[in-house]
Amino acid sequence: MRLRHTPWMILLAVVGLAGAAASTALVDAARKGDAQAVRALLQQKSSDVNGTGADGMTALHWAVQHDDVAMVESLIRAGANVQSVNRYGIRPLALAAVNGNAGTLKLLLDAGADPNSGLSQDETSVMAAARTGKVEPLKLLLAHGANLNARDARGQTALMWAAAKNNGAAVRLLVEAGTDINVRTNSPNKGGRYAEMSVFNSPAPTGFTALLFAVRAGSIEGTRALLDAGADVNDKLSDGESTLVVATANAHWELADFLLDRGADPNAAGAGWNALHQTIHSRRPNLGYTPGPVPTGSLDSINLVKKMIARGVDLDARMMKNGMKDGQRNRVNRLGATAFFLAAKNVDVEVMKVLADAGADARIPSADGTTPLMVAAGLHMWYVGEDGGSLPGQEGEALEAVKLCVARGNDVNATNQAGETPMHGAAFRGVNPIVEFLVEKGAKIDAKDHRGWTPYTVANGISYGDVFKQQPQTAGLIEKLMKARGLSPEGQAADGTECLDCIQTHADQARAALERDKRMEAEFAKSEADRLAQRRQ
């Protein structure tokens, strides 16, 4: 059967196409911000004020996006749907909130926009407005019934956004309106293989309050507003990290100083370490060329360390967990480490001197018996150039750190639980003046660890972290020194069958390392409790 196109069918088709074209033209004009074209198109009966582009954006969406109050008003008067949703689930009100435009927000709300609508993943418009820090949009949303305590999928609230963005005025407004300052976020940790690989990285903590978000972001005004509202200055995350630890982990030195002034406890160590430990670590992270946190504020970290000392921080407090992990570029077990030990590990001589002069005991080892001298010499390094204090040009600092440890009573022939000595550390680092200094001070040059490895073995080359690593210049020096003493390096070369710390590619070894950490932490906690009890008697 042959179809025939009657004149009226053709006319309807033409009219439909013209209407669609007019609708698209209206959206395009609004997208371009062409107010004159929008006004002209609105006067045409064929224009659909609620027409959409391919992305579902209406003319009203675009007018709001451009903060064009007059265009928004014209479109609403022409019948624009204030509840229209684009392909991504976004309403015009959400765009107005993101922009923080009180003018467009008022027009939309007065026209019936839902004050509790927002972006995807449960983020409401009041959350978006809180980020801007502008008070007037927040007042409008609250006046129209917005839920100021609404929470997204992770439990975040508008107050948390305002605090994290350092919007003190917005924080105060929300607090005055009755928001709960003690709400905490939910856990993002899904477990699975991530939990197994926590041998490299500590599981992400949760339980953030608005204050902890403000502190993590370095938001002094947000922090001040929350403390003024009664937030706990010693608040902590799910893993026990205190506000002061969170501030120092992110190198917010000035904010940390402010927290101390407001009563933060420098000895709080719920996570297993205190703010002094964290500050030392953040000064020179064990990540080589990977940059650490960017310091904020006008105070430097050395002055913060001095202030913590003045406020009574325990200089000899020992880490109760193997925390502050640095990913796969990490070998040192920090359980039992003091602040001085951490500084020695990264040959941070400046802070080592401050701590020692303040009375820190430079001899206290970690839980496995590793001394500050051992790590300063180079023990538990990942590799030269990939550890804090091992970059080109820092060899002199390493030697100075070693000398300082010896001057403060470290034994040049001490051994840890693995039988390793400071000389083994020097063989790892490959700085020959350190080898010469230790030998001069009486270090045994052919000491064997529990694997039977001597310093020569290590310097000559071992399989370490799935890679063959060696320091030939140091191997040559050690061989020369051995021969001068009637010793021979013969038979001391590693055969390559044993790989040191190859847990990166061996899940069974990773699990074993985690079990070892748990066992050591339990044993160390008991021994430390006994030691402290005896000291109090």
Protein backbone atom coordinates (compact mmCIF):
# COMPACT_ATOMS: atom_id res chain seq x y z
CA MET A 1 0.00 0.00 0.00
CA ARG A 2 1.40 3.35 -1.02
CA LEU A 3 1.31 6.06 1.67
CA ARG A 4 0.16 9.51 0.67
CA HIS A 5 1.24 12.67 2.50
CA THR A 6 -1.81 14.90 2.79
CA PRO A 7 -1.32 18.66 3.09
CA TRP A 8 -2.43 18.73 6.75
CA MET A 9 0.09 16.00 7.70
CA ILE A 10 2.87 17.95 6.07
CA LEU A 11 1.71 21.13 7.82
CA LEU A 12 1.76 19.40 11.22
CA ALA A 13 5.25 18.08 10.56
CA VAL A 14 6.51 21.52 9.56
CA VAL A 15 4.92 23.11 12.62
CA GLY A 16 6.45 20.43 14.85
CA LEU A 17 9.88 20.96 13.40
CA ALA A 18 9.51 24.70 13.74
CA GLY A 19 8.51 24.33 17.38
CA ALA A 20 11.42 22.02 18.12
CA ALA A 21 13.78 24.41 16.38
CA ALA A 22 12.39 27.30 18.40
CA SER A 23 12.83 25.35 21.65
CA THR A 24 16.42 24.46 20.76
CA ALA A 25 17.05 28.05 19.80
CA LEU A 26 15.83 29.19 23.24
CA VAL A 27 18.18 26.79 25.00
CA ASP A 28 21.08 27.85 22.77
CA ALA A 29 20.37 31.53 23.36
CA ALA A 30 20.32 31.01 27.14
CA ARG A 31 23.48 28.93 26.97
CA LYS A 32 25.22 31.79 25.15
CA GLY A 33 23.83 34.34 27.61
CA ASP A 34 22.04 36.20 24.79
CA ALA A 35 19.32 37.99 26.79
CA GLN A 36 17.92 39.82 23.76
CA ALA A 37 17.45 36.60 21.80
CA VAL A 38 15.81 34.93 24.80
CA ARG A 39 13.30 37.76 25.14
CA ALA A 40 12.48 37.60 21.42
CA LEU A 41 12.00 33.82 21.48
CA LEU A 42 9.77 33.98 24.54
CA GLN A 43 7.41 36.22 22.61
CA GLN A 44 6.96 33.49 20.00
CA LYS A 45 4.10 31.13 20.76
CA SER A 46 6.03 28.25 19.20
CA SER A 47 8.85 28.38 21.80
CA ASP A 48 8.74 25.70 24.47
CA VAL A 49 10.13 27.36 27.58
CA ASN A 50 10.89 23.90 29.01
CA GLY A 51 12.61 22.53 25.93
CA THR A 52 15.96 20.84 26.51
CA GLY A 53 19.29 20.36 24.81
CA ALA A 54 20.92 16.97 24.31
CA ASP A 55 22.18 17.05 27.91
CA GLY A 56 18.74 17.81 29.33
CA MET A 57 19.66 21.39 30.19
CA THR A 58 16.78 23.85 29.88
CA ALA A 59 17.03 27.58 29.25
CA LEU A 60 16.39 28.07 32.97
CA HIS A 61 19.38 25.87 33.86
CA TRP A 62 21.62 28.00 31.68
CA ALA A 63 20.25 31.30 32.96
CA VAL A 64 20.89 30.20 36.53
CA GLN A 65 24.35 28.91 35.62
CA HIS A 66 25.19 32.37 34.21
CA ASP A 67 23.81 34.17 37.29
CA ASP A 68 21.48 36.13 35.02
CA VAL A 69 18.78 37.16 37.49
CA ALA A 70 16.71 39.06 34.91
CA MET A 71 16.70 36.12 32.49
CA VAL A 72 15.74 33.71 35.27
CA GLU A 73 12.84 35.96 36.22
CA SER A 74 11.66 36.18 32.59
CA LEU A 75 11.78 32.42 32.10
CA ILE A 76 9.89 31.70 35.33
CA ARG A 77 7.24 34.25 34.37
CA ALA A 78 6.94 32.48 31.01
CA GLY A 79 6.26 29.17 32.78
CA ALA A 80 9.68 27.57 33.12
CA ASN A 81 9.65 24.50 35.35
CA VAL A 82 11.82 25.26 38.36
CA GLN A 83 11.97 21.53 39.16
CA SER A 84 13.30 20.46 35.74
CA VAL A 85 16.12 17.93 35.87
CA ASN A 86 18.93 17.51 33.34
CA ARG A 87 20.47 14.18 32.33
CA TYR A 88 22.69 14.26 35.40
CA GLY A 89 19.86 14.78 37.87
CA ILE A 90 20.69 18.44 38.49
CA ARG A 91 17.98 21.05 39.08
CA PRO A 92 18.38 24.81 38.59
CA LEU A 93 18.34 25.35 42.34
CA ALA A 94 21.47 23.25 42.75
CA LEU A 95 23.31 25.43 40.22
CA ALA A 96 22.20 28.58 42.04
CA ALA A 97 23.46 27.10 45.32
CA VAL A 98 26.81 26.14 43.82
CA ASN A 99 27.20 29.71 42.52
CA GLY A 100 26.04 31.16 45.82
CA ASN A 101 23.71 33.56 44.03
CA ALA A 102 21.05 34.83 46.43
CA GLY A 103 19.10 36.55 43.63
CA THR A 104 18.51 33.44 41.52
CA LEU A 105 17.97 31.29 44.62
CA LYS A 106 15.19 33.58 45.86
CA LEU A 107 13.40 33.55 42.50
CA LEU A 108 13.54 29.75 42.29
CA LEU A 109 12.47 29.18 45.88
CA ASP A 110 9.61 31.66 45.62
CA ALA A 111 8.49 29.84 42.47
CA GLY A 112 8.30 26.54 44.33
CA ALA A 113 11.74 24.95 43.94
CA ASP A 114 12.38 22.20 46.50
CA PRO A 115 14.89 23.61 49.05
CA ASN A 116 16.09 20.08 49.83
CA SER A 117 16.92 19.13 46.25
CA GLY A 118 20.52 19.13 45.14
CA LEU A 119 23.24 17.39 43.22
CA SER A 120 23.87 13.66 42.88
CA GLN A 121 24.86 11.31 45.72
CA ASP A 122 22.56 12.99 48.22
CA GLU A 123 24.35 16.34 48.19
CA THR A 124 21.70 18.96 48.94
CA SER A 125 21.58 22.58 47.86
CA VAL A 126 22.28 23.74 51.40
CA MET A 127 25.54 21.74 51.32
CA ALA A 128 26.52 23.35 48.04
CA ALA A 129 25.69 26.81 49.37
CA ALA A 130 27.70 26.16 52.54
CA ARG A 131 30.80 25.59 50.43
CA THR A 132 30.62 29.11 49.00
CA GLY A 133 30.71 30.70 52.42
CA LYS A 134 28.09 33.26 51.44
CA VAL A 135 25.61 33.69 54.24
CA GLU A 136 22.62 35.14 52.31
CA PRO A 137 21.98 32.05 50.13
CA LEU A 138 22.08 29.89 53.26
CA LYS A 139 19.60 32.15 55.01
CA LEU A 140 17.20 31.88 52.06
CA LEU A 141 17.41 28.08 51.95
CA LEU A 142 16.88 27.76 55.69
CA ALA A 143 13.98 30.21 55.60
CA HIS A 144 12.29 28.04 52.97
CA GLY A 145 12.67 24.88 55.05
CA ALA A 146 15.96 23.36 53.92
CA ASN A 147 17.16 20.54 56.19
CA LEU A 148 20.42 21.85 57.60
CA ASN A 149 21.26 18.43 59.10
CA ALA A 150 20.79 16.47 55.86
CA ARG A 151 23.57 13.95 55.26
CA ASP A 152 24.99 12.56 52.04
CA ALA A 153 25.98 8.94 51.41
CA ARG A 154 29.15 9.35 53.49
CA GLY A 155 27.39 11.15 56.30
CA GLN A 156 28.69 14.60 55.41
CA THR A 157 26.64 17.67 56.32
CA ALA A 158 26.45 21.31 55.24
CA LEU A 159 28.37 22.31 58.37
CA MET A 160 31.25 20.03 57.39
CA TRP A 161 31.48 21.67 53.96
CA ALA A 162 31.40 25.17 55.45
CA ALA A 163 34.10 24.25 57.97
CA ALA A 164 36.37 22.58 55.41
CA LYS A 165 36.16 25.64 53.14
CA ASN A 166 37.13 27.98 56.00
CA ASN A 167 33.76 29.71 55.88
CA GLY A 168 33.54 30.97 59.46
CA ALA A 169 30.44 33.11 58.88
CA ALA A 170 28.59 30.17 57.32
CA VAL A 171 29.63 27.94 60.23
CA ARG A 172 28.27 30.44 62.74
CA LEU A 173 24.99 30.79 60.86
CA LEU A 174 24.47 27.03 60.70
CA VAL A 175 25.34 26.63 64.39
CA GLU A 176 22.92 29.40 65.35
CA ALA A 177 20.25 27.69 63.24
CA GLY A 178 20.66 24.55 65.32
CA THR A 179 22.87 22.24 63.30
CA ASP A 180 24.53 19.37 65.16
CA ILE A 181 28.28 20.03 65.47
CA ASN A 182 29.02 16.49 66.67
CA VAL A 183 27.75 14.50 63.66
CA ARG A 184 30.37 12.12 62.22
CA THR A 185 30.93 10.66 58.77
CA ASN A 186 30.43 7.01 57.90
CA SER A 187 33.12 4.46 57.07
CA PRO A 188 34.30 4.40 53.43
CA ASN A 189 36.46 1.30 53.97
CA LYS A 190 35.07 -1.63 51.99
CA GLY A 191 37.58 -4.17 53.32
CA GLY A 192 38.68 -6.84 50.86
CA ARG A 193 42.15 -6.72 49.35
CA TYR A 194 42.66 -3.14 50.55
CA ALA A 195 42.61 -4.35 54.13
CA GLU A 196 45.22 -6.99 53.28
CA MET A 197 47.47 -4.38 51.70
CA SER A 198 47.35 -2.18 54.81
CA VAL A 199 50.85 -3.48 55.41
CA PHE A 200 51.81 -0.60 53.09
CA ASN A 201 49.15 1.98 53.94
CA SER A 202 47.09 2.49 57.05
CA PRO A 203 43.35 2.04 56.40
CA ALA A 204 41.61 5.37 55.84
CA PRO A 205 40.02 6.60 59.07
CA THR A 206 36.45 7.84 59.28
CA GLY A 207 34.39 9.56 61.96
CA PHE A 208 35.14 13.08 60.75
CA THR A 209 33.25 15.86 62.48
CA ALA A 210 33.00 19.37 61.08
CA LEU A 211 35.94 20.34 63.31
CA LEU A 212 38.14 17.54 61.98
CA PHE A 213 37.30 18.54 58.40
CA ALA A 214 38.25 22.13 59.20
CA VAL A 215 41.51 21.03 60.80
CA ARG A 216 42.43 18.72 57.92
CA ALA A 217 41.86 21.56 55.46
CA GLY A 218 43.84 24.06 57.53
CA SER A 219 40.77 26.26 57.96
CA ILE A 220 41.58 28.49 60.92
CA GLU A 221 38.39 30.56 60.78
CA GLY A 222 36.23 27.45 60.46
CA THR A 223 38.10 25.88 63.37
CA ARG A 224 37.74 29.01 65.49
CA ALA A 225 33.99 29.21 64.84
CA LEU A 226 33.48 25.56 65.80
CA LEU A 227 35.58 25.79 68.96
CA ASP A 228 33.65 28.90 69.93
CA ALA A 229 30.47 26.85 69.45
CA GLY A 230 31.69 24.19 71.86
CA ALA A 231 33.47 21.63 69.65
CA ASP A 232 36.00 19.44 71.45
CA VAL A 233 39.53 20.70 70.76
CA ASN A 234 40.78 17.15 71.42
CA ASP A 235 38.27 15.50 69.07
CA LYS A 236 39.61 12.43 67.26
CA LEU A 237 39.03 10.22 64.23
CA SER A 238 37.97 6.57 64.27
CA ASP A 239 41.61 5.47 64.41
CA GLY A 240 42.33 7.77 67.36
CA GLU A 241 44.13 10.57 65.51
CA SER A 242 43.54 13.79 67.44
CA THR A 243 42.88 17.21 65.98
CA LEU A 244 46.49 18.15 66.65
CA VAL A 245 47.79 15.02 64.91
CA VAL A 246 45.52 15.69 61.91
CA ALA A 247 46.78 19.29 61.69
CA THR A 248 50.43 18.26 61.81
CA ALA A 249 49.90 15.38 59.38
CA ASN A 250 48.86 18.02 56.85
CA ALA A 251 51.63 20.49 57.79
CA HIS A 252 49.18 23.11 59.04
CA TRP A 253 51.73 24.48 61.50
CA GLU A 254 49.94 27.74 62.29
CA LEU A 255 46.64 25.96 62.86
CA ALA A 256 48.37 23.44 65.13
CA ASP A 257 49.79 26.37 67.10
CA PHE A 258 46.25 27.79 67.38
CA LEU A 259 44.94 24.44 68.61
CA LEU A 260 47.61 24.37 71.31
CA ASP A 261 46.51 27.82 72.41
CA ARG A 262 42.94 26.54 72.64
CA GLY A 263 43.97 23.65 74.85
CA ALA A 264 44.86 20.78 72.50
CA ASP A 265 46.84 18.03 74.23
CA PRO A 266 50.24 17.48 72.55
CA ASN A 267 50.46 14.08 74.24
CA ALA A 268 47.18 12.74 72.81
CA ALA A 269 48.17 9.50 71.12
CA GLY A 270 44.97 7.61 70.48
CA ALA A 271 46.20 6.45 67.09
CA GLY A 272 49.42 5.16 68.59
CA TRP A 273 51.48 8.31 68.10
CA ASN A 274 51.31 11.94 69.18
CA ALA A 275 51.58 15.28 67.41
CA LEU A 276 55.34 15.49 67.97
CA HIS A 277 55.87 12.15 66.21
CA GLN A 278 53.63 13.34 63.39
CA THR A 279 55.36 16.70 63.02
CA ILE A 280 58.77 15.04 62.72
CA HIS A 281 57.42 12.70 60.05
CA SER A 282 55.66 15.48 58.11
CA ARG A 283 58.77 17.64 58.02
CA ARG A 284 60.60 15.13 55.84
CA PRO A 285 58.31 12.32 54.64
CA ASN A 286 59.89 9.00 53.76
CA LEU A 287 58.94 9.42 50.10
CA GLY A 288 62.03 10.69 48.33
CA TYR A 289 61.14 12.90 45.40
CA THR A 290 57.39 12.63 46.06
CA PRO A 291 56.42 15.90 47.75
CA GLY A 292 54.98 15.86 51.22
CA PRO A 293 52.18 18.07 52.54
CA VAL A 294 52.43 21.76 51.62
CA PRO A 295 52.93 23.82 54.80
CA THR A 296 50.37 26.53 55.50
CA GLY A 297 50.44 29.60 57.68
CA SER A 298 53.28 31.82 58.84
CA LEU A 299 54.72 29.53 61.54
CA ASP A 300 57.47 27.04 60.75
CA SER A 301 57.55 23.52 62.12
CA ILE A 302 60.64 24.00 64.29
CA ASN A 303 58.88 26.71 66.28
CA LEU A 304 55.86 24.43 66.60
CA VAL A 305 58.12 21.68 67.97
CA LYS A 306 59.54 24.14 70.49
CA LYS A 307 56.04 25.17 71.52
CA MET A 308 54.99 21.56 72.05
CA ILE A 309 58.07 21.08 74.20
CA ALA A 310 57.12 24.15 76.22
CA ARG A 311 53.59 22.75 76.60
CA GLY A 312 54.92 19.55 78.12
CA VAL A 313 54.99 17.03 75.28
CA ASP A 314 56.67 13.79 76.31
CA LEU A 315 59.95 13.86 74.37
CA ASP A 316 60.52 10.16 74.94
CA ALA A 317 57.00 8.92 74.18
CA ARG A 318 57.18 5.80 72.03
CA MET A 319 54.88 4.96 69.15
CA MET A 320 52.47 2.22 70.19
CA LYS A 321 51.66 1.20 66.62
CA ASN A 322 53.57 0.82 63.38
CA GLY A 323 51.75 3.80 61.90
CA MET A 324 52.30 6.71 59.51
CA LYS A 325 53.03 4.25 56.72
CA ASP A 326 54.51 5.48 53.46
CA GLY A 327 53.19 2.99 50.96
CA GLN A 328 55.49 0.47 49.31
CA ARG A 329 58.51 2.74 49.66
CA ASN A 330 58.73 1.88 53.33
CA ARG A 331 60.72 -0.61 55.34
CA VAL A 332 61.10 0.82 58.83
CA ASN A 333 58.83 -0.53 61.55
CA ARG A 334 57.98 2.51 63.69
CA LEU A 335 56.59 0.56 66.64
CA GLY A 336 58.39 1.89 69.71
CA ALA A 337 59.95 4.82 67.88
CA THR A 338 60.51 8.10 69.68
CA ALA A 339 60.46 11.51 68.02
CA PHE A 340 64.26 11.49 68.05
CA PHE A 341 64.32 8.08 66.36
CA LEU A 342 62.02 9.37 63.59
CA ALA A 343 64.20 12.43 63.08
CA ALA A 344 67.31 10.23 62.92
CA LYS A 345 65.65 7.97 60.34
CA ASN A 346 65.32 10.92 57.96
CA VAL A 347 68.60 12.54 59.13
CA ASP A 348 66.70 15.69 60.09
CA VAL A 349 69.61 17.16 62.03
CA GLU A 350 67.93 20.46 62.79
CA VAL A 351 65.13 18.89 64.80
CA MET A 352 67.40 16.18 66.23
CA LYS A 353 69.42 18.95 67.90
CA VAL A 354 66.31 20.69 69.23
CA LEU A 355 65.02 17.46 70.75
CA ALA A 356 68.38 16.44 72.20
CA ASP A 357 68.99 19.88 73.69
CA ALA A 358 65.53 19.74 75.28
CA GLY A 359 66.42 16.49 77.02
CA ALA A 360 65.26 13.75 74.67
CA ASP A 361 66.98 10.41 75.21
CA ALA A 362 68.77 9.76 71.91
CA ARG A 363 69.46 6.14 72.78
CA ILE A 364 65.91 4.72 72.92
CA PRO A 365 65.47 2.06 70.21
CA SER A 366 62.34 0.95 68.41
CA ALA A 367 60.48 -2.16 69.53
CA ASP A 368 62.68 -4.46 67.44
CA GLY A 369 65.86 -3.06 68.97
CA THR A 370 66.81 -0.79 66.09
CA THR A 371 68.63 2.27 67.44
CA PRO A 372 68.55 5.87 66.17
CA LEU A 373 72.18 5.41 65.08
CA MET A 374 71.27 2.41 62.93
CA VAL A 375 68.60 4.27 60.99
CA ALA A 376 70.69 7.41 60.71
CA ALA A 377 73.47 5.29 59.21
CA GLY A 378 70.97 3.89 56.69
CA LEU A 379 69.28 0.81 58.15
CA HIS A 380 65.68 0.27 57.01
CA MET A 381 66.11 2.49 53.98
CA TRP A 382 64.15 1.61 50.88
CA TYR A 383 66.78 2.94 48.54
CA VAL A 384 68.99 5.97 48.09
CA GLY A 385 66.98 8.77 46.57
CA GLU A 386 63.67 7.25 47.67
CA ASP A 387 63.85 7.96 51.40
CA GLY A 388 63.69 11.24 53.28
CA GLY A 389 67.22 12.50 53.82
CA SER A 390 68.77 10.38 51.06
CA LEU A 391 68.60 12.79 48.14
CA PRO A 392 71.74 14.03 46.38
CA GLY A 393 73.39 16.70 48.50
CA GLN A 394 72.09 15.32 51.81
CA GLU A 395 75.03 12.99 52.45
CA GLY A 396 76.57 15.57 54.78
CA GLU A 397 73.41 15.69 56.86
CA ALA A 398 73.48 11.91 57.16
CA LEU A 399 77.04 11.98 58.48
CA GLU A 400 76.17 14.78 60.91
CA ALA A 401 73.15 12.79 62.14
CA VAL A 402 75.35 9.74 62.72
CA LYS A 403 77.89 11.81 64.65
CA LEU A 404 75.14 13.34 66.78
CA CYS A 405 73.77 9.89 67.65
CA VAL A 406 77.21 8.66 68.70
CA ALA A 407 77.83 11.82 70.72
CA ARG A 408 74.52 11.22 72.51
CA GLY A 409 75.47 7.71 73.60
CA ASN A 410 74.48 5.33 70.79
CA ASP A 411 76.56 2.13 70.68
CA VAL A 412 78.33 1.66 67.33
CA ASN A 413 78.13 -2.12 67.75
CA ALA A 414 74.54 -2.46 68.96
CA THR A 415 72.39 -5.11 67.27
CA ASN A 416 68.67 -5.31 66.70
CA GLN A 417 66.50 -8.43 66.73
CA ALA A 418 67.64 -9.27 63.21
CA GLY A 419 71.29 -9.01 64.22
CA GLU A 420 71.81 -5.86 62.15
CA THR A 421 74.27 -3.16 63.23
CA PRO A 422 74.93 0.49 62.34
CA MET A 423 77.54 -0.76 59.86
CA HIS A 424 74.86 -2.72 58.02
CA GLY A 425 72.94 0.54 57.82
CA ALA A 426 75.93 2.38 56.40
CA ALA A 427 76.24 -0.33 53.74
CA PHE A 428 72.63 0.30 52.70
CA ARG A 429 73.09 4.08 52.48
CA GLY A 430 76.42 3.93 50.65
CA VAL A 431 77.93 7.12 52.12
CA ASN A 432 81.58 6.21 52.62
CA PRO A 433 82.42 8.88 55.22
CA ILE A 434 79.83 7.25 57.50
CA VAL A 435 81.59 3.88 57.15
CA GLU A 436 84.94 5.50 57.93
CA PHE A 437 83.54 7.36 60.95
CA LEU A 438 81.93 4.23 62.42
CA VAL A 439 85.11 2.20 61.96
CA GLU A 440 87.07 5.01 63.59
CA LYS A 441 84.69 4.78 66.57
CA GLY A 442 85.25 1.03 66.89
CA ALA A 443 82.45 -0.46 64.80
CA LYS A 444 82.96 -4.11 63.91
CA ILE A 445 83.33 -4.25 60.17
CA ASP A 446 82.46 -7.92 59.63
CA ALA A 447 79.45 -8.33 61.96
CA LYS A 448 76.91 -10.86 60.69
CA ASP A 449 73.14 -10.50 60.92
CA HIS A 450 70.80 -13.47 61.36
CA ARG A 451 70.96 -14.20 57.64
CA GLY A 452 74.72 -14.36 57.81
CA TRP A 453 75.03 -11.09 55.90
CA THR A 454 77.90 -8.75 56.72
CA PRO A 455 78.07 -5.06 55.78
CA TYR A 456 80.10 -6.16 52.75
CA THR A 457 77.28 -8.51 51.70
CA VAL A 458 74.78 -5.66 51.73
CA ALA A 459 77.01 -3.16 49.92
CA ASN A 460 78.10 -5.74 47.34
CA GLY A 461 74.47 -6.32 46.36
CA ILE A 462 71.35 -8.08 47.60
CA SER A 463 67.86 -8.79 46.28
CA TYR A 464 65.81 -6.19 48.09
CA GLY A 465 62.18 -5.36 47.41
CA ASP A 466 62.17 -7.46 44.22
CA VAL A 467 65.12 -5.44 42.85
CA PHE A 468 68.86 -6.05 42.99
CA LYS A 469 70.46 -3.17 44.89
CA GLN A 470 74.09 -2.47 45.60
CA GLN A 471 76.56 0.25 46.63
CA PRO A 472 79.77 -0.74 44.80
CA GLN A 473 81.77 2.24 46.05
CA THR A 474 81.03 1.24 49.62
CA ALA A 475 81.68 -2.44 48.94
CA GLY A 476 85.11 -1.46 47.65
CA LEU A 477 85.85 0.62 50.74
CA ILE A 478 84.71 -2.12 53.13
CA GLU A 479 86.80 -4.72 51.29
CA LYS A 480 89.84 -2.44 51.58
CA LEU A 481 89.25 -1.87 55.30
CA MET A 482 88.75 -5.59 55.89
CA LYS A 483 91.97 -6.55 54.15
CA ALA A 484 93.85 -3.92 56.13
CA ARG A 485 92.70 -5.75 59.26
CA GLY A 486 93.53 -9.19 57.97
CA LEU A 487 89.92 -10.02 57.13
CA SER A 488 88.61 -11.41 53.88
CA PRO A 489 85.26 -10.75 52.17
CA GLU A 490 85.49 -14.10 50.43
CA GLY A 491 82.25 -16.08 50.65
CA GLN A 492 80.28 -13.06 51.86
CA ALA A 493 78.55 -12.24 48.57
CA ALA A 494 74.80 -12.93 48.60
CA ASP A 495 73.75 -15.82 46.37
CA GLY A 496 70.58 -13.97 45.28
CA THR A 497 68.18 -16.69 46.41
CA GLU A 498 66.89 -14.72 49.39
CA CYS A 499 64.97 -11.52 48.81
CA LEU A 500 64.73 -8.98 51.60
CA ASP A 501 61.27 -7.40 52.00
CA CYS A 502 59.62 -8.74 48.85
CA ILE A 503 56.12 -8.43 50.25
CA GLN A 504 55.12 -6.10 47.39
CA THR A 505 54.56 -9.10 45.15
CA HIS A 506 53.94 -11.80 47.73
CA ALA A 507 50.50 -11.60 49.37
CA ASP A 508 51.41 -14.36 51.83
CA GLN A 509 54.38 -12.32 53.05
CA ALA A 510 52.16 -9.23 53.33
CA ARG A 511 49.68 -11.11 55.50
CA ALA A 512 52.54 -12.47 57.59
CA ALA A 513 53.86 -8.93 58.07
CA LEU A 514 50.45 -7.76 59.27
CA GLU A 515 50.24 -10.63 61.74
CA ARG A 516 53.76 -9.84 62.93
CA ASP A 517 52.78 -6.19 63.51
CA LYS A 518 49.71 -7.20 65.53
CA ARG A 519 51.73 -9.57 67.65
CA MET A 520 54.53 -7.08 68.23
CA GLU A 521 52.08 -4.29 69.10
CA ALA A 522 50.36 -6.48 71.70
CA GLU A 523 53.67 -7.54 73.24
CA PHE A 524 55.04 -4.02 73.21
CA ALA A 525 51.90 -2.56 74.79
CA LYS A 526 52.27 -4.98 77.70
CA SER A 527 55.98 -4.32 78.17
CA GLU A 528 55.46 -0.54 78.04
CA ALA A 529 52.64 -0.75 80.57
CA ASP A 530 54.89 -2.77 82.91
CA ARG A 531 57.76 -0.32 82.44
CA LEU A 532 55.61 2.72 83.18
CA ALA A 533 54.10 1.01 86.21
CA GLN A 534 57.56 0.31 87.62
CA ARG A 535 58.60 3.91 86.98
CA ARG A 536 55.61 5.17 89.00
CA GLN A 537 56.48 2.97 91.99
